C-alpha atoms as a PDB file:
ATOM      1  CA  UNK A   1      67.197 162.613 106.283  1.00  0.00           C
ATOM      2  CA  UNK A   2      68.658 162.986 103.031  1.00  0.00           C
ATOM      3  CA  UNK A   3      71.930 163.159 104.227  1.00  0.00           C
ATOM      4  CA  UNK A   4      71.729 160.468 106.608  1.00  0.00           C
ATOM      5  CA  UNK A   5      71.509 158.213 103.632  1.00  0.00           C
ATOM      6  CA  UNK A   6      74.482 159.361 102.053  1.00  0.00           C
ATOM      7  CA  UNK A   7      76.674 159.135 104.568  1.00  0.00           C
ATOM      8  CA  UNK A   8      75.276 155.798 105.275  1.00  0.00           C
ATOM      9  CA  UNK A   9      75.394 154.605 101.731  1.00  0.00           C
ATOM     10  CA  UNK A  10      79.298 156.532 101.729  1.00  0.00           C
ATOM     11  CA  UNK A  11      80.048 154.217 104.947  1.00  0.00           C
ATOM     12  CA  UNK A  12      78.863 150.382 103.102  1.00  0.00           C
ATOM     13  CA  UNK A  13      81.146 151.710  99.921  1.00  0.00           C
ATOM     14  CA  UNK A  14      83.924 151.734 102.805  1.00  0.00           C
ATOM     15  CA  UNK A  15      83.212 149.205 104.906  1.00  0.00           C
ATOM     16  CA  UNK A  16      82.417 146.541 101.707  1.00  0.00           C
ATOM     17  CA  UNK A  17      84.601 147.836  99.046  1.00  0.00           C
ATOM     18  CA  UNK A  18      85.945 144.835  96.984  1.00  0.00           C
ATOM     19  CA  UNK A  19      88.965 143.413  96.981  1.00  0.00           C
ATOM     20  CA  UNK A  20      89.171 141.001  93.919  1.00  0.00           C
ATOM     21  CA  UNK A  21      92.001 140.554  91.414  1.00  0.00           C
ATOM     22  CA  UNK A  22      92.832 137.470  88.633  1.00  0.00           C
ATOM     23  CA  UNK A  23      96.640 136.562  87.513  1.00  0.00           C
ATOM     24  CA  UNK A  24      97.131 133.922  84.877  1.00  0.00           C
ATOM     25  CA  UNK A  25     100.554 132.350  84.071  1.00  0.00           C
ATOM     26  CA  UNK A  26     102.142 133.398  80.514  1.00  0.00           C
ATOM     27  CA  UNK A  27     100.728 132.199  77.761  1.00  0.00           C
ATOM     28  CA  UNK A  28     103.295 131.252  75.591  1.00  0.00           C
ATOM     29  CA  UNK A  29     102.874 127.992  74.335  1.00  0.00           C
ATOM     30  CA  UNK A  30     104.781 124.617  75.853  1.00  0.00           C
ATOM     31  CA  UNK A  31     105.707 122.440  73.431  1.00  0.00           C
ATOM     32  CA  UNK A  32     106.533 119.339  74.688  1.00  0.00           C
ATOM     33  CA  UNK A  33     108.629 117.004  73.794  1.00  0.00           C
ATOM     34  CA  UNK A  34     108.812 112.957  74.368  1.00  0.00           C
ATOM     35  CA  UNK A  35     112.556 111.428  75.929  1.00  0.00           C
ATOM     36  CA  UNK A  36     113.607 110.791  72.104  1.00  0.00           C
ATOM     37  CA  UNK A  37     112.942 114.735  71.491  1.00  0.00           C
ATOM     38  CA  UNK A  38     110.272 114.151  69.795  1.00  0.00           C
ATOM     39  CA  UNK A  39     107.867 116.940  69.495  1.00  0.00           C
ATOM     40  CA  UNK A  40     104.499 115.008  70.941  1.00  0.00           C
ATOM     41  CA  UNK A  41     101.653 117.103  68.492  1.00  0.00           C
ATOM     42  CA  UNK A  42      98.445 116.127  67.532  1.00  0.00           C
ATOM     43  CA  UNK A  43      97.188 114.381  70.680  1.00  0.00           C
ATOM     44  CA  UNK A  44      95.271 115.754  73.958  1.00  0.00           C
ATOM     45  CA  UNK A  45      97.012 116.340  76.619  1.00  0.00           C
ATOM     46  CA  UNK A  46      94.862 116.372  79.922  1.00  0.00           C
ATOM     47  CA  UNK A  47      96.139 119.420  82.311  1.00  0.00           C
ATOM     48  CA  UNK A  48      95.165 119.190  85.781  1.00  0.00           C
ATOM     49  CA  UNK A  49      95.704 122.315  88.066  1.00  0.00           C
ATOM     50  CA  UNK A  50      95.658 122.139  91.451  1.00  0.00           C
ATOM     51  CA  UNK A  51      95.089 125.098  94.354  1.00  0.00           C
ATOM     52  CA  UNK A  52      95.705 125.771  97.112  1.00  0.00           C
ATOM     53  CA  UNK A  53      93.758 128.148  99.441  1.00  0.00           C
ATOM     54  CA  UNK A  54      92.945 130.042 102.215  1.00  0.00           C
ATOM     55  CA  UNK A  55      90.695 132.159 104.302  1.00  0.00           C
ATOM     56  CA  UNK A  56      92.339 136.174 105.820  1.00  0.00           C
ATOM     57  CA  UNK A  57      91.427 138.162 107.615  1.00  0.00           C
ATOM     58  CA  UNK A  58      94.060 141.077 107.945  1.00  0.00           C
ATOM     59  CA  UNK A  59      93.809 144.477 109.453  1.00  0.00           C
ATOM     60  CA  UNK A  60      95.877 147.949 108.466  1.00  0.00           C
ATOM     61  CA  UNK A  61      97.639 146.252 105.838  1.00  0.00           C
ATOM     62  CA  UNK A  62      98.434 143.390 106.748  1.00  0.00           C
ATOM     63  CA  UNK A  63     100.914 144.713 110.041  1.00  0.00           C
ATOM     64  CA  UNK A  64      97.589 144.131 112.775  1.00  0.00           C
ATOM     65  CA  UNK A  65      95.946 141.534 114.756  1.00  0.00           C
ATOM     66  CA  UNK A  66      94.107 139.410 112.260  1.00  0.00           C
ATOM     67  CA  UNK A  67      93.705 135.676 111.371  1.00  0.00           C
ATOM     68  CA  UNK A  68      94.451 133.161 108.510  1.00  0.00           C
ATOM     69  CA  UNK A  69      92.602 129.926 108.307  1.00  0.00           C
ATOM     70  CA  UNK A  70      95.439 126.624 107.107  1.00  0.00           C
ATOM     71  CA  UNK A  71      95.786 126.183 103.746  1.00  0.00           C
ATOM     72  CA  UNK A  72      93.502 124.012 101.969  1.00  0.00           C
ATOM     73  CA  UNK A  73      94.316 122.385  98.840  1.00  0.00           C
ATOM     74  CA  UNK A  74      92.193 121.380  95.595  1.00  0.00           C
ATOM     75  CA  UNK A  75      92.071 120.172  92.183  1.00  0.00           C
ATOM     76  CA  UNK A  76      89.498 121.845  89.099  1.00  0.00           C
ATOM     77  CA  UNK A  77      89.511 123.283  86.094  1.00  0.00           C
ATOM     78  CA  UNK A  78      91.378 120.139  83.653  1.00  0.00           C
ATOM     79  CA  UNK A  79      91.536 121.093  80.838  1.00  0.00           C
ATOM     80  CA  UNK A  80      92.990 119.667  77.306  1.00  0.00           C
ATOM     81  CA  UNK A  81      96.102 121.150  75.923  1.00  0.00           C
ATOM     82  CA  UNK A  82      97.607 120.396  72.203  1.00  0.00           C
ATOM     83  CA  UNK A  83     101.376 121.374  72.298  1.00  0.00           C
ATOM     84  CA  UNK A  84     102.241 124.462  70.929  1.00  0.00           C
ATOM     85  CA  UNK A  85      99.204 126.258  72.021  1.00  0.00           C
ATOM     86  CA  UNK A  86      98.587 129.013  74.042  1.00  0.00           C
ATOM     87  CA  UNK A  87      98.592 128.288  77.619  1.00  0.00           C
ATOM     88  CA  UNK A  88      95.940 129.878  79.465  1.00  0.00           C
ATOM     89  CA  UNK A  89      96.598 128.859  83.423  1.00  0.00           C
ATOM     90  CA  UNK A  90      94.887 130.936  86.509  1.00  0.00           C
ATOM     91  CA  UNK A  91      97.558 131.449  88.234  1.00  0.00           C
ATOM     92  CA  UNK A  92      96.211 133.517  91.568  1.00  0.00           C
ATOM     93  CA  UNK A  93      93.062 134.921  91.780  1.00  0.00           C
ATOM     94  CA  UNK A  94      91.853 137.184  95.363  1.00  0.00           C
ATOM     95  CA  UNK A  95      88.085 137.582  96.270  1.00  0.00           C
ATOM     96  CA  UNK A  96      86.893 139.625  98.927  1.00  0.00           C
ATOM     97  CA  UNK A  97      86.510 143.550 100.447  1.00  0.00           C
ATOM     98  CA  UNK A  98      88.801 145.406 102.192  1.00  0.00           C
ATOM     99  CA  UNK A  99      87.078 147.601 105.076  1.00  0.00           C
ATOM    100  CA  UNK A 100      88.686 151.272 104.764  1.00  0.00           C
ATOM    101  CA  UNK A 101      90.860 150.805 102.268  1.00  0.00           C
ATOM    102  CA  UNK A 102      93.608 148.887 104.857  1.00  0.00           C
ATOM    103  CA  UNK A 103      91.480 146.190 106.448  1.00  0.00           C
ATOM    104  CA  UNK A 104      91.081 142.827 104.476  1.00  0.00           C
ATOM    105  CA  UNK A 105      88.518 140.026 104.645  1.00  0.00           C
ATOM    106  CA  UNK A 106      88.599 137.297 101.615  1.00  0.00           C
ATOM    107  CA  UNK A 107      90.067 134.350 100.468  1.00  0.00           C
ATOM    108  CA  UNK A 108      93.155 133.269  97.780  1.00  0.00           C
ATOM    109  CA  UNK A 109      93.330 130.618  95.263  1.00  0.00           C
ATOM    110  CA  UNK A 110      96.693 130.145  94.438  1.00  0.00           C
ATOM    111  CA  UNK A 111      98.281 127.655  91.769  1.00  0.00           C
ATOM    112  CA  UNK A 112     100.501 125.626  93.675  1.00  0.00           C
ATOM    113  CA  UNK A 113     101.380 122.876  90.150  1.00  0.00           C
ATOM    114  CA  UNK A 114     100.453 121.142  86.740  1.00  0.00           C
ATOM    115  CA  UNK A 115      99.398 117.314  86.375  1.00  0.00           C
ATOM    116  CA  UNK A 116     100.581 116.092  82.361  1.00  0.00           C
ATOM    117  CA  UNK A 117      98.474 113.273  81.648  1.00  0.00           C
ATOM    118  CA  UNK A 118      99.562 111.835  77.776  1.00  0.00           C
ATOM    119  CA  UNK A 119      98.731 108.094  76.506  1.00  0.00           C
ATOM    120  CA  UNK A 120     101.853 106.406  76.659  1.00  0.00           C
ATOM    121  CA  UNK A 121     104.175 109.212  78.815  1.00  0.00           C
ATOM    122  CA  UNK A 122     104.831 109.390  81.870  1.00  0.00           C
ATOM    123  CA  UNK A 123     103.007 111.163  83.871  1.00  0.00           C
ATOM    124  CA  UNK A 124     104.435 115.023  85.685  1.00  0.00           C
ATOM    125  CA  UNK A 125     104.605 117.548  87.795  1.00  0.00           C
ATOM    126  CA  UNK A 126     105.176 121.468  86.550  1.00  0.00           C
ATOM    127  CA  UNK A 127     104.977 123.656  89.001  1.00  0.00           C
ATOM    128  CA  UNK A 128     104.563 126.885  89.076  1.00  0.00           C
ATOM    129  CA  UNK A 129     107.417 128.266  89.947  1.00  0.00           C
ATOM    130  CA  UNK A 130     108.706 126.105  86.732  1.00  0.00           C
ATOM    131  CA  UNK A 131     105.781 127.757  84.297  1.00  0.00           C
ATOM    132  CA  UNK A 132     106.472 131.068  85.444  1.00  0.00           C
ATOM    133  CA  UNK A 133     109.627 131.076  84.577  1.00  0.00           C
ATOM    134  CA  UNK A 134     109.776 129.324  81.958  1.00  0.00           C
ATOM    135  CA  UNK A 135     113.800 129.495  81.730  1.00  0.00           C
ATOM    136  CA  UNK A 136     114.220 125.911  80.607  1.00  0.00           C
ATOM    137  CA  UNK A 137     117.582 125.986  77.867  1.00  0.00           C
ATOM    138  CA  UNK A 138     119.086 127.211  81.198  1.00  0.00           C
ATOM    139  CA  UNK A 139     120.484 124.255  83.025  1.00  0.00           C
ATOM    140  CA  UNK A 140     117.931 123.038  86.190  1.00  0.00           C
ATOM    141  CA  UNK A 141     118.320 125.751  88.449  1.00  0.00           C
ATOM    142  CA  UNK A 142     119.048 125.413  92.378  1.00  0.00           C
ATOM    143  CA  UNK A 143     116.353 125.784  93.936  1.00  0.00           C
ATOM    144  CA  UNK A 144     114.469 123.151  91.811  1.00  0.00           C
ATOM    145  CA  UNK A 145     117.059 120.557  92.033  1.00  0.00           C
ATOM    146  CA  UNK A 146     114.163 117.782  92.839  1.00  0.00           C
ATOM    147  CA  UNK A 147     113.274 118.199  89.725  1.00  0.00           C
ATOM    148  CA  UNK A 148     116.661 118.452  87.961  1.00  0.00           C
ATOM    149  CA  UNK A 149     116.249 114.276  87.369  1.00  0.00           C
ATOM    150  CA  UNK A 150     113.358 115.321  85.092  1.00  0.00           C
ATOM    151  CA  UNK A 151     114.745 118.825  83.873  1.00  0.00           C
ATOM    152  CA  UNK A 152     113.446 120.353  81.503  1.00  0.00           C
ATOM    153  CA  UNK A 153     109.705 119.474  82.680  1.00  0.00           C
ATOM    154  CA  UNK A 154     109.013 119.890  79.064  1.00  0.00           C
ATOM    155  CA  UNK A 155     110.164 116.706  78.463  1.00  0.00           C
ATOM    156  CA  UNK A 156     107.778 113.613  78.683  1.00  0.00           C
ATOM    157  CA  UNK A 157     109.541 109.708  79.170  1.00  0.00           C
ATOM    158  CA  UNK A 158     108.477 107.520  76.308  1.00  0.00           C
ATOM    159  CA  UNK A 159     106.764 103.857  78.391  1.00  0.00           C
ATOM    160  CA  UNK A 160     105.607 101.143  77.735  1.00  0.00           C
ATOM    161  CA  UNK A 161     101.072 100.531  76.623  1.00  0.00           C
ATOM    162  CA  UNK A 162     100.580  98.459  79.452  1.00  0.00           C
ATOM    163  CA  UNK A 163     102.445 100.605  82.562  1.00  0.00           C
ATOM    164  CA  UNK A 164     100.502 103.630  81.104  1.00  0.00           C
ATOM    165  CA  UNK A 165      97.217 102.064  80.650  1.00  0.00           C
ATOM    166  CA  UNK A 166      97.509 100.998  84.613  1.00  0.00           C
ATOM    167  CA  UNK A 167      98.938 104.720  85.220  1.00  0.00           C
ATOM    168  CA  UNK A 168      95.505 106.206  83.569  1.00  0.00           C
ATOM    169  CA  UNK A 169      93.128 103.949  84.836  1.00  0.00           C
ATOM    170  CA  UNK A 170      94.613 104.180  88.379  1.00  0.00           C
ATOM    171  CA  UNK A 171      94.377 108.580  88.015  1.00  0.00           C
ATOM    172  CA  UNK A 172      90.787 108.171  86.252  1.00  0.00           C
ATOM    173  CA  UNK A 173      90.322 106.181  89.598  1.00  0.00           C
ATOM    174  CA  UNK A 174      91.418 108.792  92.077  1.00  0.00           C
ATOM    175  CA  UNK A 175      90.043 111.876  90.070  1.00  0.00           C
ATOM    176  CA  UNK A 176      86.321 110.154  90.793  1.00  0.00           C
ATOM    177  CA  UNK A 177      86.529 110.414  94.556  1.00  0.00           C
ATOM    178  CA  UNK A 178      85.051 114.548  96.469  1.00  0.00           C
ATOM    179  CA  UNK A 179      88.170 113.858  98.475  1.00  0.00           C
ATOM    180  CA  UNK A 180      91.998 112.194  98.383  1.00  0.00           C
ATOM    181  CA  UNK A 181      94.468 111.403 101.499  1.00  0.00           C
ATOM    182  CA  UNK A 182      97.840 109.923 102.987  1.00  0.00           C
ATOM    183  CA  UNK A 183      98.908 107.711  99.883  1.00  0.00           C
ATOM    184  CA  UNK A 184      96.623 109.013  97.429  1.00  0.00           C
ATOM    185  CA  UNK A 185      98.048 111.997  96.930  1.00  0.00           C
ATOM    186  CA  UNK A 186     101.892 111.646  98.787  1.00  0.00           C
ATOM    187  CA  UNK A 187     103.054 111.143  94.824  1.00  0.00           C
ATOM    188  CA  UNK A 188     101.849 114.608  93.579  1.00  0.00           C
ATOM    189  CA  UNK A 189     104.076 116.690  96.720  1.00  0.00           C
ATOM    190  CA  UNK A 190     101.506 116.701  99.682  1.00  0.00           C
ATOM    191  CA  UNK A 191     102.342 115.337 102.709  1.00  0.00           C
ATOM    192  CA  UNK A 192      99.822 112.539 104.223  1.00  0.00           C
ATOM    193  CA  UNK A 193      98.546 114.176 106.735  1.00  0.00           C
ATOM    194  CA  UNK A 194      97.139 116.508 103.795  1.00  0.00           C
ATOM    195  CA  UNK A 195      93.419 116.919 102.398  1.00  0.00           C
ATOM    196  CA  UNK A 196      92.848 117.832  98.275  1.00  0.00           C
ATOM    197  CA  UNK A 197      89.493 118.115  97.913  1.00  0.00           C
ATOM    198  CA  UNK A 198      88.792 117.060  93.710  1.00  0.00           C
ATOM    199  CA  UNK A 199      86.313 119.723  92.857  1.00  0.00           C
ATOM    200  CA  UNK A 200      85.006 119.217  89.450  1.00  0.00           C
ATOM    201  CA  UNK A 201      81.857 120.451  88.069  1.00  0.00           C
ATOM    202  CA  UNK A 202      79.110 118.729  85.014  1.00  0.00           C
ATOM    203  CA  UNK A 203      81.230 119.405  82.250  1.00  0.00           C
ATOM    204  CA  UNK A 204      84.835 118.913  84.270  1.00  0.00           C
ATOM    205  CA  UNK A 205      83.731 115.192  85.162  1.00  0.00           C
ATOM    206  CA  UNK A 206      82.641 115.281  81.302  1.00  0.00           C
ATOM    207  CA  UNK A 207      85.619 116.636  79.798  1.00  0.00           C
ATOM    208  CA  UNK A 208      87.422 113.747  81.810  1.00  0.00           C
ATOM    209  CA  UNK A 209      85.471 111.017  81.412  1.00  0.00           C
ATOM    210  CA  UNK A 210      85.108 111.767  77.028  1.00  0.00           C
ATOM    211  CA  UNK A 211      89.598 111.695  77.967  1.00  0.00           C
ATOM    212  CA  UNK A 212      89.524 108.188  79.467  1.00  0.00           C
ATOM    213  CA  UNK A 213      87.842 106.924  77.587  1.00  0.00           C
ATOM    214  CA  UNK A 214      89.657 107.791  73.834  1.00  0.00           C
ATOM    215  CA  UNK A 215      93.738 107.185  75.911  1.00  0.00           C
ATOM    216  CA  UNK A 216      92.370 103.497  77.538  1.00  0.00           C
ATOM    217  CA  UNK A 217      91.378 102.573  74.479  1.00  0.00           C
ATOM    218  CA  UNK A 218      93.890 103.457  72.419  1.00  0.00           C
ATOM    219  CA  UNK A 219      96.048 101.621  74.731  1.00  0.00           C
ATOM    220  CA  UNK A 220      94.041  98.698  75.027  1.00  0.00           C
ATOM    221  CA  UNK A 221      94.559  98.163  71.797  1.00  0.00           C
ATOM    222  CA  UNK A 222      98.387  98.840  71.393  1.00  0.00           C
ATOM    223  CA  UNK A 223      98.430  96.310  74.712  1.00  0.00           C
ATOM    224  CA  UNK A 224      96.468  93.397  72.847  1.00  0.00           C
ATOM    225  CA  UNK A 225      98.654  94.289  69.126  1.00  0.00           C
ATOM    226  CA  UNK A 226     101.804  93.908  72.153  1.00  0.00           C
ATOM    227  CA  UNK A 227     101.096  91.138  73.261  1.00  0.00           C
ATOM    228  CA  UNK A 228      99.944  89.132  70.094  1.00  0.00           C
ATOM    229  CA  UNK A 229     103.137  90.318  69.116  1.00  0.00           C
END
């Protein structure tokens, strides 16, 4: 009887062997600069990560029959960043089981890009590729030719307070939704037929509320000064 339980225990371990891994972007700080080449310091920068998620069942190390769910996309884990601080962004996280070590059943979250939001500067997207390579002193590589008009990635373009106010209000409104689609996400690099889930915790919502409250208050004040001037 004891031998049967031992064999059953070993079998369960082989079937339910965990497949867990987490990888982070290089923590090297980003020194954001304005379009006038001045360093942006002591300013709250909101970073909103975009992730893709897929569920996968693979056999024989990926060479046998399997099933792969269509990619799903979501926003999660926004954080405040200050220029020059170490960067800590999740790049990839895998959660699942690996029966008999050659099969796999689970899901993978992978960073696609980040949205950088800073008052009085144009919001911009930085791809996972750009974050991973971080070789921004050379010329824009061919594979990133669509981004070259805004190269390098850490350059933020200064805009007037009125434009920034409208842009940040728009983003605040979008992030209050549970799901975004169509023209709402096209500017963020998604096809209009895709759906983007906004997966934010209570703490995430509080962080966003505090950031947007401060940013809009500052921009409204600057806008009033511009109009009175």
